[in-house]
Amino acid sequence: MKSVQPEKSVTEHVADSTTTSLLQTPSPSVNSSPLLKNNGQAIRPDFINITSISSKTTKGTPQTNGEFDQTKIIAALLHAQDVFERASIPFIVIGNIAYQMKNNLPLSGYKVVFAVMYWHAVPECTSLLRTIEPKIEFLTDGWKIMTNQVPVIIKIIPRKFYTFLDPDTIFYAYDVWKIPNPFDEYWTGDHHDT
């Protein structure tokens, strides 16, 4: 008599897939993101297709050229997004990560950079940051959050750069992000962070 094997659940199927990148849960504050849990690891649902990470890298470690891989960058983005949304401080993704998002490229880099306009950095909101993220560093021109060794730099923008006044909304990975608008003028201008 044949034994019938039960079908795999969606979670097991995704975990068995070799083309799906796995995210390790970076901190408890990211647990509010739409991720499924599987043996202490967070995984994306089937319907989200992110380019898999090169087989040359080990998940969770910087690549040989010192850049962090897509898994760590996305975890850092989600963690910082959670912190600043809880504090009700709007931000814009800038620098190389914004360029990679705009051109739908796999994310990699040495850091993640956000821009916060000076009129959003009010004491009523910024005073919550230490409560939400106890390890946040206060800098002279912004803040710094370390997530899985990836530095997230949040810069307070003291001037009204027209590319930051009406940010463009893009969809990358599994979330909506704001980037400078028009992006080409921002990228070729002298006020972008590389």
N, C-alpha and C. Protein backbone atom coordinates (compact mmCIF):
# COMPACT_ATOMS: atom_id res chain seq x y z
N MET A 1 0.83 -1.17 0.00
CA MET A 1 0.00 0.00 0.00
C MET A 1 0.88 1.25 0.00
N LYS A 2 0.56 2.23 -0.85
CA LYS A 2 1.33 3.46 -0.96
C LYS A 2 1.00 4.39 0.20
N SER A 3 2.07 5.03 0.70
CA SER A 3 1.83 6.05 1.71
C SER A 3 1.70 7.39 1.01
N VAL A 4 0.75 8.17 1.44
CA VAL A 4 0.49 9.47 0.83
C VAL A 4 1.23 10.53 1.64
N GLN A 5 2.07 11.32 0.93
CA GLN A 5 2.78 12.40 1.60
C GLN A 5 1.95 13.66 1.52
N PRO A 6 1.85 14.38 2.62
CA PRO A 6 1.07 15.61 2.59
C PRO A 6 1.76 16.65 1.70
N GLU A 7 0.93 17.50 1.09
CA GLU A 7 1.48 18.57 0.26
C GLU A 7 2.18 19.59 1.14
N LYS A 8 3.21 20.23 0.56
CA LYS A 8 3.94 21.24 1.30
C LYS A 8 3.11 22.51 1.41
N SER A 9 3.24 23.17 2.53
CA SER A 9 2.56 24.45 2.69
C SER A 9 3.32 25.50 1.88
N VAL A 10 2.71 26.66 1.72
CA VAL A 10 3.34 27.76 0.99
C VAL A 10 4.66 28.14 1.66
N THR A 11 4.67 28.17 2.98
CA THR A 11 5.88 28.54 3.72
C THR A 11 7.00 27.54 3.45
N GLU A 12 6.70 26.23 3.49
CA GLU A 12 7.72 25.24 3.22
C GLU A 12 8.20 25.31 1.79
N HIS A 13 7.27 25.56 0.85
CA HIS A 13 7.64 25.66 -0.56
C HIS A 13 8.60 26.82 -0.79
N VAL A 14 8.31 27.96 -0.18
CA VAL A 14 9.17 29.13 -0.35
C VAL A 14 10.52 28.86 0.30
N ALA A 15 10.54 28.22 1.46
CA ALA A 15 11.80 27.95 2.14
C ALA A 15 12.66 26.97 1.34
N ASP A 16 12.02 26.02 0.61
CA ASP A 16 12.77 25.07 -0.19
C ASP A 16 13.28 25.66 -1.48
N SER A 17 12.68 26.73 -1.94
CA SER A 17 13.05 27.32 -3.23
C SER A 17 14.47 27.85 -3.18
N THR A 18 15.25 27.58 -4.21
CA THR A 18 16.63 28.06 -4.24
C THR A 18 16.73 29.44 -4.84
N THR A 19 15.69 29.93 -5.50
CA THR A 19 15.76 31.24 -6.13
C THR A 19 15.25 32.35 -5.24
N THR A 20 14.64 32.00 -4.11
CA THR A 20 14.11 33.03 -3.21
C THR A 20 15.15 33.34 -2.15
N SER A 21 15.45 34.60 -1.98
CA SER A 21 16.39 35.03 -0.95
C SER A 21 15.68 35.05 0.39
N LEU A 22 16.38 34.62 1.43
CA LEU A 22 15.79 34.62 2.76
C LEU A 22 16.31 35.82 3.53
N LEU A 23 15.42 36.41 4.31
CA LEU A 23 15.81 37.52 5.18
C LEU A 23 15.94 36.97 6.59
N GLN A 24 17.01 37.27 7.26
CA GLN A 24 17.10 36.96 8.66
C GLN A 24 16.49 38.12 9.42
N THR A 25 15.72 37.82 10.42
CA THR A 25 15.04 38.86 11.16
C THR A 25 16.07 39.75 11.84
N PRO A 26 16.18 41.04 11.44
CA PRO A 26 17.20 41.91 11.99
C PRO A 26 16.92 42.39 13.40
N SER A 27 15.67 42.66 13.71
CA SER A 27 15.35 43.15 15.05
C SER A 27 13.86 43.01 15.26
N PRO A 28 13.42 43.10 16.50
CA PRO A 28 12.00 42.96 16.77
C PRO A 28 11.15 44.03 16.10
N SER A 29 11.70 45.20 15.82
CA SER A 29 10.88 46.27 15.24
C SER A 29 10.53 46.01 13.79
N VAL A 30 11.21 45.08 13.12
CA VAL A 30 10.89 44.78 11.73
C VAL A 30 9.78 43.74 11.66
N ASN A 31 9.44 43.12 12.79
CA ASN A 31 8.44 42.08 12.78
C ASN A 31 7.07 42.56 12.35
N SER A 32 6.86 43.86 12.28
CA SER A 32 5.58 44.37 11.83
C SER A 32 5.46 44.37 10.32
N SER A 33 6.54 44.04 9.62
CA SER A 33 6.49 44.00 8.16
C SER A 33 5.80 42.71 7.71
N PRO A 34 5.30 42.68 6.46
CA PRO A 34 4.53 41.54 5.99
C PRO A 34 5.42 40.36 5.63
N LEU A 35 6.07 39.73 6.62
CA LEU A 35 6.94 38.61 6.38
C LEU A 35 6.38 37.38 7.09
N LEU A 36 6.57 36.21 6.50
CA LEU A 36 6.16 34.96 7.12
C LEU A 36 7.31 34.42 7.94
N LYS A 37 7.04 33.82 9.09
CA LYS A 37 8.08 33.27 9.94
C LYS A 37 8.28 31.80 9.60
N ASN A 38 9.54 31.35 9.62
CA ASN A 38 9.86 29.95 9.39
C ASN A 38 11.16 29.64 10.12
N ASN A 39 11.10 28.92 11.23
CA ASN A 39 12.28 28.54 11.99
C ASN A 39 13.17 29.72 12.34
N GLY A 40 12.61 30.80 12.82
CA GLY A 40 13.40 31.94 13.23
C GLY A 40 13.87 32.84 12.10
N GLN A 41 13.47 32.52 10.86
CA GLN A 41 13.84 33.35 9.73
C GLN A 41 12.58 33.93 9.13
N ALA A 42 12.71 35.13 8.57
CA ALA A 42 11.58 35.76 7.91
C ALA A 42 11.74 35.52 6.42
N ILE A 43 10.66 35.17 5.75
CA ILE A 43 10.72 34.94 4.31
C ILE A 43 9.61 35.71 3.63
N ARG A 44 9.85 36.06 2.39
CA ARG A 44 8.86 36.77 1.61
C ARG A 44 7.84 35.78 1.04
N PRO A 45 6.60 36.23 0.87
CA PRO A 45 5.62 35.38 0.23
C PRO A 45 6.00 35.10 -1.22
N ASP A 46 5.39 34.05 -1.81
CA ASP A 46 5.68 33.62 -3.18
C ASP A 46 5.51 34.71 -4.22
N PHE A 47 4.52 35.58 -4.05
CA PHE A 47 4.18 36.52 -5.10
C PHE A 47 5.17 37.67 -5.23
N ILE A 48 6.14 37.76 -4.36
CA ILE A 48 7.12 38.83 -4.43
C ILE A 48 8.38 38.27 -5.05
N ASN A 49 8.78 38.81 -6.19
CA ASN A 49 9.93 38.31 -6.90
C ASN A 49 11.05 39.33 -6.84
N ILE A 50 12.06 39.04 -6.07
CA ILE A 50 13.22 39.89 -5.98
C ILE A 50 14.38 39.12 -6.59
N THR A 51 15.19 39.79 -7.37
CA THR A 51 16.34 39.15 -7.98
C THR A 51 17.17 38.47 -6.90
N SER A 52 17.48 37.20 -7.11
CA SER A 52 18.24 36.49 -6.08
C SER A 52 19.66 37.01 -6.00
N ILE A 53 20.23 36.85 -4.85
CA ILE A 53 21.57 37.35 -4.60
C ILE A 53 22.57 36.44 -5.27
N SER A 54 23.63 37.01 -5.75
CA SER A 54 24.69 36.26 -6.41
C SER A 54 25.19 35.15 -5.52
N SER A 55 25.51 34.01 -6.11
CA SER A 55 25.98 32.88 -5.32
C SER A 55 27.38 33.11 -4.77
N LYS A 56 28.06 34.18 -5.20
CA LYS A 56 29.39 34.49 -4.70
C LYS A 56 29.35 35.01 -3.27
N THR A 57 28.20 35.47 -2.80
CA THR A 57 28.11 36.05 -1.47
C THR A 57 27.48 35.06 -0.51
N THR A 58 27.86 35.19 0.74
CA THR A 58 27.22 34.43 1.80
C THR A 58 26.18 35.35 2.40
N LYS A 59 24.99 34.82 2.60
CA LYS A 59 23.92 35.65 3.14
C LYS A 59 24.35 36.24 4.48
N GLY A 60 24.12 37.54 4.63
CA GLY A 60 24.39 38.20 5.89
C GLY A 60 25.80 38.74 6.05
N THR A 61 26.65 38.57 5.05
CA THR A 61 28.00 39.12 5.15
C THR A 61 28.25 40.07 4.00
N PRO A 62 29.13 41.06 4.19
CA PRO A 62 29.44 41.95 3.08
C PRO A 62 30.10 41.18 1.95
N GLN A 63 29.88 41.65 0.72
CA GLN A 63 30.53 41.06 -0.42
C GLN A 63 32.02 41.37 -0.36
N THR A 64 32.80 40.75 -1.24
CA THR A 64 34.25 40.90 -1.18
C THR A 64 34.70 42.34 -1.37
N ASN A 65 33.93 43.15 -2.10
CA ASN A 65 34.33 44.53 -2.30
C ASN A 65 33.86 45.44 -1.17
N GLY A 66 33.33 44.88 -0.10
CA GLY A 66 32.92 45.66 1.06
C GLY A 66 31.47 46.11 1.03
N GLU A 67 30.77 45.90 -0.07
CA GLU A 67 29.37 46.30 -0.15
C GLU A 67 28.48 45.24 0.49
N PHE A 68 27.37 45.69 1.06
CA PHE A 68 26.40 44.77 1.63
C PHE A 68 25.47 44.27 0.54
N ASP A 69 24.96 43.06 0.70
CA ASP A 69 24.08 42.48 -0.30
C ASP A 69 22.64 42.96 -0.14
N GLN A 70 21.81 42.56 -1.06
CA GLN A 70 20.42 43.01 -1.11
C GLN A 70 19.65 42.63 0.15
N THR A 71 19.89 41.46 0.68
CA THR A 71 19.16 41.02 1.86
C THR A 71 19.38 41.96 3.04
N LYS A 72 20.64 42.33 3.29
CA LYS A 72 20.95 43.21 4.41
C LYS A 72 20.47 44.63 4.14
N ILE A 73 20.56 45.08 2.91
CA ILE A 73 20.11 46.44 2.57
C ILE A 73 18.60 46.55 2.78
N ILE A 74 17.84 45.57 2.31
CA ILE A 74 16.38 45.61 2.48
C ILE A 74 16.01 45.55 3.95
N ALA A 75 16.70 44.72 4.73
CA ALA A 75 16.42 44.65 6.17
C ALA A 75 16.69 46.01 6.83
N ALA A 76 17.77 46.67 6.43
CA ALA A 76 18.09 47.99 6.99
C ALA A 76 17.06 49.03 6.57
N LEU A 77 16.63 48.98 5.31
CA LEU A 77 15.60 49.91 4.83
C LEU A 77 14.31 49.74 5.62
N LEU A 78 13.89 48.50 5.80
CA LEU A 78 12.63 48.25 6.51
C LEU A 78 12.71 48.67 7.98
N HIS A 79 13.85 48.41 8.60
CA HIS A 79 14.01 48.79 10.00
C HIS A 79 13.96 50.32 10.16
N ALA A 80 14.72 51.03 9.33
CA ALA A 80 14.73 52.49 9.42
C ALA A 80 13.37 53.08 9.05
N GLN A 81 12.72 52.49 8.07
CA GLN A 81 11.38 52.94 7.69
C GLN A 81 10.42 52.79 8.88
N ASP A 82 10.50 51.68 9.57
CA ASP A 82 9.64 51.45 10.72
C ASP A 82 9.89 52.50 11.81
N VAL A 83 11.15 52.78 12.08
CA VAL A 83 11.49 53.77 13.12
C VAL A 83 10.93 55.15 12.76
N PHE A 84 11.16 55.59 11.53
CA PHE A 84 10.75 56.95 11.16
C PHE A 84 9.24 57.07 10.92
N GLU A 85 8.59 56.01 10.50
CA GLU A 85 7.13 56.07 10.40
C GLU A 85 6.49 56.10 11.78
N ARG A 86 7.05 55.38 12.73
CA ARG A 86 6.53 55.43 14.10
C ARG A 86 6.68 56.83 14.71
N ALA A 87 7.77 57.51 14.36
CA ALA A 87 8.00 58.85 14.88
C ALA A 87 7.29 59.92 14.05
N SER A 88 6.58 59.51 13.01
CA SER A 88 5.86 60.42 12.11
C SER A 88 6.79 61.44 11.45
N ILE A 89 7.95 60.95 11.02
CA ILE A 89 8.91 61.80 10.31
C ILE A 89 9.02 61.29 8.87
N PRO A 90 8.49 62.05 7.90
CA PRO A 90 8.60 61.62 6.50
C PRO A 90 10.05 61.71 6.03
N PHE A 91 10.43 60.80 5.14
CA PHE A 91 11.80 60.75 4.64
C PHE A 91 11.79 60.41 3.15
N ILE A 92 12.94 60.63 2.52
CA ILE A 92 13.14 60.31 1.11
C ILE A 92 14.40 59.47 1.03
N VAL A 93 14.37 58.39 0.25
CA VAL A 93 15.56 57.58 0.02
C VAL A 93 16.42 58.32 -1.01
N ILE A 94 17.70 58.52 -0.70
CA ILE A 94 18.58 59.22 -1.63
C ILE A 94 19.86 58.39 -1.83
N GLY A 95 20.73 58.87 -2.69
CA GLY A 95 22.01 58.22 -2.92
C GLY A 95 21.91 57.04 -3.87
N ASN A 96 22.90 56.15 -3.77
CA ASN A 96 22.98 55.01 -4.68
C ASN A 96 21.81 54.06 -4.54
N ILE A 97 21.28 53.91 -3.34
CA ILE A 97 20.13 53.01 -3.14
C ILE A 97 18.93 53.55 -3.89
N ALA A 98 18.71 54.86 -3.89
CA ALA A 98 17.60 55.44 -4.65
C ALA A 98 17.81 55.20 -6.15
N TYR A 99 19.04 55.34 -6.62
CA TYR A 99 19.35 55.09 -8.03
C TYR A 99 19.03 53.64 -8.41
N GLN A 100 19.43 52.70 -7.55
CA GLN A 100 19.18 51.29 -7.81
C GLN A 100 17.68 50.99 -7.78
N MET A 101 16.94 51.61 -6.86
CA MET A 101 15.49 51.43 -6.83
C MET A 101 14.84 51.98 -8.09
N LYS A 102 15.24 53.19 -8.47
CA LYS A 102 14.67 53.85 -9.65
C LYS A 102 14.86 53.01 -10.91
N ASN A 103 16.03 52.38 -11.03
CA ASN A 103 16.34 51.58 -12.21
C ASN A 103 16.07 50.09 -12.03
N ASN A 104 15.38 49.74 -10.93
CA ASN A 104 14.97 48.37 -10.64
C ASN A 104 16.17 47.41 -10.67
N LEU A 105 17.25 47.81 -10.03
CA LEU A 105 18.47 47.00 -9.94
C LEU A 105 18.52 46.32 -8.57
N PRO A 106 19.26 45.22 -8.46
CA PRO A 106 19.46 44.64 -7.12
C PRO A 106 20.19 45.63 -6.22
N LEU A 107 19.79 45.70 -4.98
CA LEU A 107 20.38 46.67 -4.06
C LEU A 107 21.72 46.17 -3.51
N SER A 108 22.69 47.06 -3.50
CA SER A 108 23.97 46.79 -2.85
C SER A 108 24.59 48.15 -2.54
N GLY A 109 25.44 48.18 -1.54
CA GLY A 109 26.08 49.44 -1.20
C GLY A 109 26.74 49.37 0.15
N TYR A 110 27.40 50.47 0.51
CA TYR A 110 28.10 50.57 1.78
C TYR A 110 27.21 51.13 2.88
N LYS A 111 26.12 51.80 2.48
CA LYS A 111 25.23 52.44 3.44
C LYS A 111 23.90 52.73 2.77
N VAL A 112 22.92 53.05 3.58
CA VAL A 112 21.61 53.52 3.12
C VAL A 112 21.49 54.95 3.60
N VAL A 113 21.01 55.84 2.73
CA VAL A 113 20.91 57.26 3.10
C VAL A 113 19.47 57.73 2.90
N PHE A 114 18.92 58.34 3.95
CA PHE A 114 17.60 58.97 3.90
C PHE A 114 17.79 60.47 4.02
N ALA A 115 16.85 61.22 3.47
CA ALA A 115 16.82 62.68 3.63
C ALA A 115 15.54 63.03 4.36
N VAL A 116 15.67 63.90 5.36
CA VAL A 116 14.52 64.44 6.09
C VAL A 116 14.61 65.95 5.96
N MET A 117 13.55 66.57 5.48
CA MET A 117 13.53 68.02 5.35
C MET A 117 13.51 68.65 6.74
N TYR A 118 14.17 69.79 6.87
CA TYR A 118 14.34 70.39 8.20
C TYR A 118 13.02 70.73 8.88
N TRP A 119 11.96 71.04 8.13
CA TRP A 119 10.69 71.39 8.77
C TRP A 119 9.95 70.16 9.30
N HIS A 120 10.44 68.94 8.97
CA HIS A 120 9.86 67.72 9.54
C HIS A 120 10.63 67.26 10.79
N ALA A 121 11.82 67.80 10.99
CA ALA A 121 12.64 67.41 12.14
C ALA A 121 12.32 68.29 13.33
N VAL A 122 11.10 68.22 13.79
CA VAL A 122 10.64 69.03 14.91
C VAL A 122 10.80 68.24 16.21
N PRO A 123 11.02 68.92 17.33
CA PRO A 123 11.24 68.21 18.61
C PRO A 123 10.10 67.26 18.99
N GLU A 124 8.87 67.60 18.63
CA GLU A 124 7.74 66.72 18.98
C GLU A 124 7.90 65.34 18.35
N CYS A 125 8.53 65.26 17.20
CA CYS A 125 8.73 63.97 16.52
C CYS A 125 10.11 63.37 16.82
N THR A 126 11.14 64.20 16.77
CA THR A 126 12.49 63.67 16.97
C THR A 126 12.74 63.18 18.38
N SER A 127 11.99 63.69 19.34
CA SER A 127 12.16 63.23 20.73
C SER A 127 11.72 61.77 20.90
N LEU A 128 10.93 61.26 19.98
CA LEU A 128 10.48 59.87 20.05
C LEU A 128 11.52 58.88 19.55
N LEU A 129 12.50 59.35 18.79
CA LEU A 129 13.45 58.45 18.15
C LEU A 129 14.21 57.58 19.15
N ARG A 130 14.68 58.15 20.25
CA ARG A 130 15.43 57.39 21.24
C ARG A 130 14.54 56.34 21.91
N THR A 131 13.26 56.64 22.06
CA THR A 131 12.32 55.68 22.64
C THR A 131 12.07 54.52 21.69
N ILE A 132 11.91 54.83 20.42
CA ILE A 132 11.62 53.80 19.42
C ILE A 132 12.85 52.95 19.12
N GLU A 133 13.99 53.60 18.95
CA GLU A 133 15.25 52.90 18.63
C GLU A 133 16.33 53.36 19.62
N PRO A 134 16.53 52.61 20.70
CA PRO A 134 17.49 53.03 21.72
C PRO A 134 18.93 53.15 21.22
N LYS A 135 19.29 52.44 20.16
CA LYS A 135 20.67 52.46 19.67
C LYS A 135 20.92 53.52 18.61
N ILE A 136 19.98 54.41 18.38
CA ILE A 136 20.16 55.45 17.37
C ILE A 136 21.24 56.43 17.83
N GLU A 137 22.08 56.85 16.88
CA GLU A 137 23.12 57.84 17.18
C GLU A 137 22.65 59.19 16.66
N PHE A 138 22.77 60.20 17.48
CA PHE A 138 22.44 61.56 17.07
C PHE A 138 23.69 62.22 16.53
N LEU A 139 23.63 62.70 15.29
CA LEU A 139 24.75 63.38 14.63
C LEU A 139 24.44 64.87 14.55
N THR A 140 25.41 65.66 14.15
CA THR A 140 25.17 67.10 14.04
C THR A 140 24.18 67.44 12.95
N ASP A 141 24.12 66.63 11.91
CA ASP A 141 23.21 66.92 10.79
C ASP A 141 22.22 65.79 10.54
N GLY A 142 21.91 65.00 11.56
CA GLY A 142 20.94 63.92 11.38
C GLY A 142 21.10 62.81 12.40
N TRP A 143 20.90 61.57 11.94
CA TRP A 143 20.94 60.41 12.81
C TRP A 143 21.61 59.26 12.08
N LYS A 144 21.99 58.25 12.84
CA LYS A 144 22.59 57.04 12.28
C LYS A 144 22.03 55.84 13.01
N ILE A 145 21.56 54.86 12.25
CA ILE A 145 21.05 53.61 12.80
C ILE A 145 21.86 52.48 12.19
N MET A 146 22.35 51.58 13.01
CA MET A 146 23.05 50.39 12.52
C MET A 146 22.07 49.22 12.57
N THR A 147 21.87 48.57 11.42
CA THR A 147 21.01 47.41 11.34
C THR A 147 21.79 46.30 10.65
N ASN A 148 22.08 45.22 11.36
CA ASN A 148 22.88 44.12 10.80
C ASN A 148 24.18 44.64 10.18
N GLN A 149 24.85 45.52 10.84
CA GLN A 149 26.12 46.13 10.43
C GLN A 149 25.98 47.11 9.27
N VAL A 150 24.78 47.30 8.74
CA VAL A 150 24.56 48.26 7.65
C VAL A 150 24.24 49.62 8.26
N PRO A 151 25.05 50.64 7.97
CA PRO A 151 24.73 51.97 8.50
C PRO A 151 23.61 52.63 7.69
N VAL A 152 22.62 53.12 8.39
CA VAL A 152 21.55 53.91 7.77
C VAL A 152 21.76 55.34 8.26
N ILE A 153 22.12 56.22 7.33
CA ILE A 153 22.38 57.62 7.64
C ILE A 153 21.15 58.43 7.28
N ILE A 154 20.64 59.19 8.22
CA ILE A 154 19.49 60.05 7.97
C ILE A 154 19.97 61.48 8.07
N LYS A 155 19.93 62.19 6.95
CA LYS A 155 20.43 63.56 6.90
C LYS A 155 19.28 64.55 6.97
N ILE A 156 19.44 65.56 7.80
CA ILE A 156 18.48 66.66 7.82
C ILE A 156 18.91 67.62 6.72
N ILE A 157 18.02 67.88 5.78
CA ILE A 157 18.32 68.74 4.64
C ILE A 157 17.93 70.17 5.02
N PRO A 158 18.92 71.08 5.13
CA PRO A 158 18.65 72.43 5.63
C PRO A 158 18.12 73.40 4.58
N ARG A 159 18.10 73.01 3.32
CA ARG A 159 17.65 73.91 2.26
C ARG A 159 16.50 73.27 1.50
N LYS A 160 15.79 74.08 0.75
CA LYS A 160 14.68 73.59 -0.04
C LYS A 160 15.17 73.21 -1.44
N PHE A 161 15.77 72.03 -1.58
CA PHE A 161 16.14 71.55 -2.90
C PHE A 161 14.86 71.16 -3.62
N TYR A 162 14.66 71.67 -4.83
CA TYR A 162 13.40 71.43 -5.52
C TYR A 162 13.18 69.96 -5.84
N THR A 163 14.25 69.15 -5.94
CA THR A 163 14.07 67.73 -6.22
C THR A 163 13.56 66.96 -4.99
N PHE A 164 13.60 67.58 -3.80
CA PHE A 164 13.10 66.94 -2.59
C PHE A 164 11.71 67.44 -2.20
N LEU A 165 11.22 68.51 -2.80
CA LEU A 165 9.97 69.12 -2.36
C LEU A 165 8.74 68.31 -2.74
N ASP A 166 8.76 67.65 -3.87
CA ASP A 166 7.63 66.83 -4.32
C ASP A 166 8.16 65.46 -4.73
N PRO A 167 8.48 64.59 -3.76
CA PRO A 167 9.14 63.32 -4.09
C PRO A 167 8.26 62.40 -4.93
N ASP A 168 8.93 61.60 -5.74
CA ASP A 168 8.28 60.59 -6.57
C ASP A 168 8.07 59.34 -5.72
N THR A 169 7.00 58.63 -5.97
CA THR A 169 6.72 57.39 -5.25
C THR A 169 7.00 56.22 -6.17
N ILE A 170 7.82 55.29 -5.71
CA ILE A 170 8.10 54.09 -6.51
C ILE A 170 7.83 52.86 -5.66
N PHE A 171 7.63 51.75 -6.34
CA PHE A 171 7.42 50.47 -5.67
C PHE A 171 8.66 49.63 -5.90
N TYR A 172 9.33 49.23 -4.81
CA TYR A 172 10.50 48.38 -4.93
C TYR A 172 10.42 47.29 -3.88
N ALA A 173 10.76 46.08 -4.28
CA ALA A 173 10.70 44.91 -3.41
C ALA A 173 9.26 44.72 -2.97
N TYR A 174 8.92 45.04 -1.75
CA TYR A 174 7.54 44.86 -1.32
C TYR A 174 7.06 46.05 -0.51
N ASP A 175 7.51 47.22 -0.94
CA ASP A 175 7.06 48.41 -0.24
C ASP A 175 7.12 49.62 -1.17
N VAL A 176 6.52 50.70 -0.71
CA VAL A 176 6.50 51.95 -1.46
C VAL A 176 7.54 52.88 -0.84
N TRP A 177 8.35 53.51 -1.71
CA TRP A 177 9.42 54.38 -1.25
C TRP A 177 9.33 55.72 -1.96
N LYS A 178 9.77 56.75 -1.30
CA LYS A 178 9.83 58.09 -1.90
C LYS A 178 11.28 58.36 -2.30
N ILE A 179 11.44 58.87 -3.54
CA ILE A 179 12.76 59.23 -4.05
C ILE A 179 12.68 60.64 -4.63
N PRO A 180 13.81 61.30 -4.85
CA PRO A 180 13.78 62.65 -5.40
C PRO A 180 13.08 62.72 -6.76
N ASN A 181 12.49 63.89 -7.03
CA ASN A 181 11.73 64.08 -8.26
C ASN A 181 12.00 65.49 -8.80
N PRO A 182 12.40 65.66 -10.04
CA PRO A 182 12.76 64.64 -11.04
C PRO A 182 14.10 64.00 -10.69
N PHE A 183 14.15 62.69 -10.79
CA PHE A 183 15.31 61.95 -10.32
C PHE A 183 16.56 62.25 -11.16
N ASP A 184 16.41 62.35 -12.46
CA ASP A 184 17.58 62.59 -13.33
C ASP A 184 18.27 63.90 -12.99
N GLU A 185 17.49 64.92 -12.68
CA GLU A 185 18.09 66.20 -12.29
C GLU A 185 18.78 66.09 -10.93
N TYR A 186 18.18 65.34 -10.03
CA TYR A 186 18.82 65.11 -8.72
C TYR A 186 20.13 64.36 -8.91
N TRP A 187 20.10 63.29 -9.71
CA TRP A 187 21.27 62.42 -9.85
C TRP A 187 22.44 63.14 -10.54
N THR A 188 22.15 64.00 -11.49
CA THR A 188 23.23 64.71 -12.18
C THR A 188 23.59 66.03 -11.48
N GLY A 189 22.81 66.41 -10.48
CA GLY A 189 23.07 67.65 -9.74
C GLY A 189 24.19 67.48 -8.74
N ASP A 190 24.47 68.55 -8.03
CA ASP A 190 25.58 68.52 -7.08
C ASP A 190 25.14 68.26 -5.64
N HIS A 191 23.87 67.99 -5.40
CA HIS A 191 23.41 67.80 -4.03
C HIS A 191 22.98 66.38 -3.71
N HIS A 192 23.45 65.41 -4.50
CA HIS A 192 23.09 64.04 -4.14
C HIS A 192 24.25 63.36 -3.40
N ASP A 193 23.89 62.39 -2.59
CA ASP A 193 24.88 61.67 -1.81
C ASP A 193 25.23 60.39 -2.56
N THR A 194 26.50 60.09 -2.69
CA THR A 194 26.91 58.89 -3.42
C THR A 194 27.29 57.76 -2.49
